[in-house]
């Protein structure tokens, strides 16, 4: 799995785990639903600004390691 695939897979899984729709995540992140969908599908990774907005809305941070990407929870409280 590439870094891009790993990141988009984890972002989608976190959104679903938190019970958010793409529209709800988009609203919280200040993005369009289309952009969230495109990032999750891998049509477009988006800029680092886009990824930061999504991770902030999900209350996680991205940790880059040689083994791949890890997403750490910033809060154990549910977002939804």
Foldseek 3Di string as FASTA:
>chain_A
DDQLLVLLCVLVVLCVVLVHDLCRLCVQLVHHSVVNVCSNVVVDVDDVSSVVSSCVLSQWDWDQDPVHIDIGHNDPDRND
